[in-house]
Structures are given as structure tokens and as C-alpha cells.
Amino acid sequence: MAGIFTQDQDEKAIALNLITVVEPHSLGRSMESVRVLLQMVYDKQREAVLRFGDARDVDWVEEMEASGLSLIILGL
């Protein structure tokens, strides 16, 4: 999951922008699911940094499960 582990917001923006560019050319809704999940995780990480000074406690798997999104990517 691109950009989740970096603390640099610019790197997160680059990862999200790249996925946004690829999304219209992807099959099905897998890239849309990745983009939505990344945005949710980035938002939670930003909140965690503001509150606690660290975003490492935000677990993207827990966020995915809580959101109800399913993420199945084949052929990468």
C-alpha cells in the first residue's frame, strides 16, 4: 500500500495522485477501492499526528475491515 508507511505528507500525496491517474485505466473497481482506502488511512494518520504526534498506530487492515471495502488485486 503505497505511501502508508511514510510520515511525509508530500509522499502520501504523490502516491495518491499516481493511483488517481491509473484509476480510469484499471479494470473493475480495484483501483477505486485502493484510492478510497488510502484516502481514509491518510486522513486517520493525519488526525493521529495532530493528536499524538505519530501515525504508526493507524492500522490499514483494521481500517479496511471497518470500512467494509474488499480489496482483491490480481495480476500485479
C-alpha atoms as a PDB file:
ATOM      1  CA  MET A   1       0.000   0.000   0.000  1.00  0.00           C
ATOM      2  CA  ALA A   2       1.866   2.949  -1.383  1.00  0.00           C
ATOM      3  CA  GLY A   3       2.554   5.802   0.956  1.00  0.00           C
ATOM      4  CA  ILE A   4       1.009   4.364   4.104  1.00  0.00           C
ATOM      5  CA  PHE A   5       4.287   3.979   5.978  1.00  0.00           C
ATOM      6  CA  THR A   6       5.823   7.323   5.167  1.00  0.00           C
ATOM      7  CA  GLN A   7       5.374  10.196   7.585  1.00  0.00           C
ATOM      8  CA  ASP A   8       5.883  12.722   4.765  1.00  0.00           C
ATOM      9  CA  GLN A   9       2.557  14.182   3.595  1.00  0.00           C
ATOM     10  CA  ASP A  10       4.067  15.107   0.217  1.00  0.00           C
ATOM     11  CA  GLU A  11       4.981  11.459  -0.413  1.00  0.00           C
ATOM     12  CA  LYS A  12       1.456  10.423   0.543  1.00  0.00           C
ATOM     13  CA  ALA A  13       0.062  12.963  -1.934  1.00  0.00           C
ATOM     14  CA  ILE A  14       2.337  11.621  -4.685  1.00  0.00           C
ATOM     15  CA  ALA A  15       1.175   8.033  -4.051  1.00  0.00           C
ATOM     16  CA  LEU A  16      -2.493   9.062  -4.038  1.00  0.00           C
ATOM     17  CA  ASN A  17      -2.085  11.158  -7.195  1.00  0.00           C
ATOM     18  CA  LEU A  18      -0.425   8.259  -9.031  1.00  0.00           C
ATOM     19  CA  ILE A  19      -3.278   5.939  -8.121  1.00  0.00           C
ATOM     20  CA  THR A  20      -5.778   8.596  -9.213  1.00  0.00           C
ATOM     21  CA  VAL A  21      -4.058   8.785 -12.620  1.00  0.00           C
ATOM     22  CA  VAL A  22      -4.098   4.995 -13.053  1.00  0.00           C
ATOM     23  CA  GLU A  23      -7.654   4.529 -11.789  1.00  0.00           C
ATOM     24  CA  PRO A  24      -9.510   5.431 -15.031  1.00  0.00           C
ATOM     25  CA  HIS A  25      -7.431   2.854 -16.923  1.00  0.00           C
ATOM     26  CA  SER A  26      -7.956  -0.019 -14.494  1.00  0.00           C
ATOM     27  CA  LEU A  27     -10.395  -2.888 -14.825  1.00  0.00           C
ATOM     28  CA  GLY A  28     -13.231  -3.178 -12.376  1.00  0.00           C
ATOM     29  CA  ARG A  29     -13.200  -1.132  -9.208  1.00  0.00           C
ATOM     30  CA  SER A  30      -9.970  -2.331  -7.601  1.00  0.00           C
ATOM     31  CA  MET A  31      -8.065   0.941  -8.063  1.00  0.00           C
ATOM     32  CA  GLU A  32     -11.069   2.901  -6.828  1.00  0.00           C
ATOM     33  CA  SER A  33     -11.093   0.742  -3.689  1.00  0.00           C
ATOM     34  CA  VAL A  34      -7.350   1.288  -3.211  1.00  0.00           C
ATOM     35  CA  ARG A  35      -7.761   5.066  -3.631  1.00  0.00           C
ATOM     36  CA  VAL A  36     -10.683   5.252  -1.199  1.00  0.00           C
ATOM     37  CA  LEU A  37      -8.859   3.129   1.371  1.00  0.00           C
ATOM     38  CA  LEU A  38      -5.657   5.133   1.059  1.00  0.00           C
ATOM     39  CA  GLN A  39      -7.534   8.395   1.483  1.00  0.00           C
ATOM     40  CA  MET A  40      -9.245   7.058   4.609  1.00  0.00           C
ATOM     41  CA  VAL A  41      -5.956   5.823   6.082  1.00  0.00           C
ATOM     42  CA  TYR A  42      -4.160   9.071   5.221  1.00  0.00           C
ATOM     43  CA  ASP A  43      -6.926  11.059   6.925  1.00  0.00           C
ATOM     44  CA  LYS A  44      -6.725   8.873  10.049  1.00  0.00           C
ATOM     45  CA  GLN A  45      -2.939   9.158  10.054  1.00  0.00           C
ATOM     46  CA  ARG A  46      -3.133  12.943   9.760  1.00  0.00           C
ATOM     47  CA  GLU A  47      -5.556  13.028  12.720  1.00  0.00           C
ATOM     48  CA  ALA A  48      -3.238  10.761  14.731  1.00  0.00           C
ATOM     49  CA  VAL A  49      -0.246  13.012  14.052  1.00  0.00           C
ATOM     50  CA  LEU A  50      -2.209  16.070  15.169  1.00  0.00           C
ATOM     51  CA  ARG A  51      -3.391  14.335  18.351  1.00  0.00           C
ATOM     52  CA  PHE A  52      -0.437  12.180  19.321  1.00  0.00           C
ATOM     53  CA  GLY A  53       2.465  13.279  17.128  1.00  0.00           C
ATOM     54  CA  ASP A  54       2.691   9.853  15.481  1.00  0.00           C
ATOM     55  CA  ALA A  55       0.678   7.918  12.897  1.00  0.00           C
ATOM     56  CA  ARG A  56       2.097   4.434  13.405  1.00  0.00           C
ATOM     57  CA  ASP A  57      -0.906   3.240  15.408  1.00  0.00           C
ATOM     58  CA  VAL A  58      -3.234   3.540  12.399  1.00  0.00           C
ATOM     59  CA  ASP A  59      -3.635   0.019  11.008  1.00  0.00           C
ATOM     60  CA  TRP A  60      -4.705  -0.010   7.358  1.00  0.00           C
ATOM     61  CA  VAL A  61      -6.042  -3.591   7.639  1.00  0.00           C
ATOM     62  CA  GLU A  62      -8.294  -2.574  10.545  1.00  0.00           C
ATOM     63  CA  GLU A  63      -9.416   0.496   8.582  1.00  0.00           C
ATOM     64  CA  MET A  64     -10.239  -1.661   5.567  1.00  0.00           C
ATOM     65  CA  GLU A  65     -12.234  -4.116   7.676  1.00  0.00           C
ATOM     66  CA  ALA A  66     -14.106  -1.297   9.427  1.00  0.00           C
ATOM     67  CA  SER A  67     -14.950   0.375   6.106  1.00  0.00           C
ATOM     68  CA  GLY A  68     -16.434  -2.750   4.545  1.00  0.00           C
ATOM     69  CA  LEU A  69     -14.213  -2.358   1.474  1.00  0.00           C
ATOM     70  CA  SER A  70     -12.921  -5.527  -0.091  1.00  0.00           C
ATOM     71  CA  LEU A  71      -9.544  -5.393  -1.707  1.00  0.00           C
ATOM     72  CA  ILE A  72      -8.644  -8.080  -4.221  1.00  0.00           C
ATOM     73  CA  ILE A  73      -5.937  -7.143  -6.690  1.00  0.00           C
ATOM     74  CA  LEU A  74      -4.752  -9.664  -9.243  1.00  0.00           C
ATOM     75  CA  GLY A  75      -2.024  -9.509 -11.809  1.00  0.00           C
ATOM     76  CA  LEU A  76       0.308  -7.009 -10.181  1.00  0.00           C
END
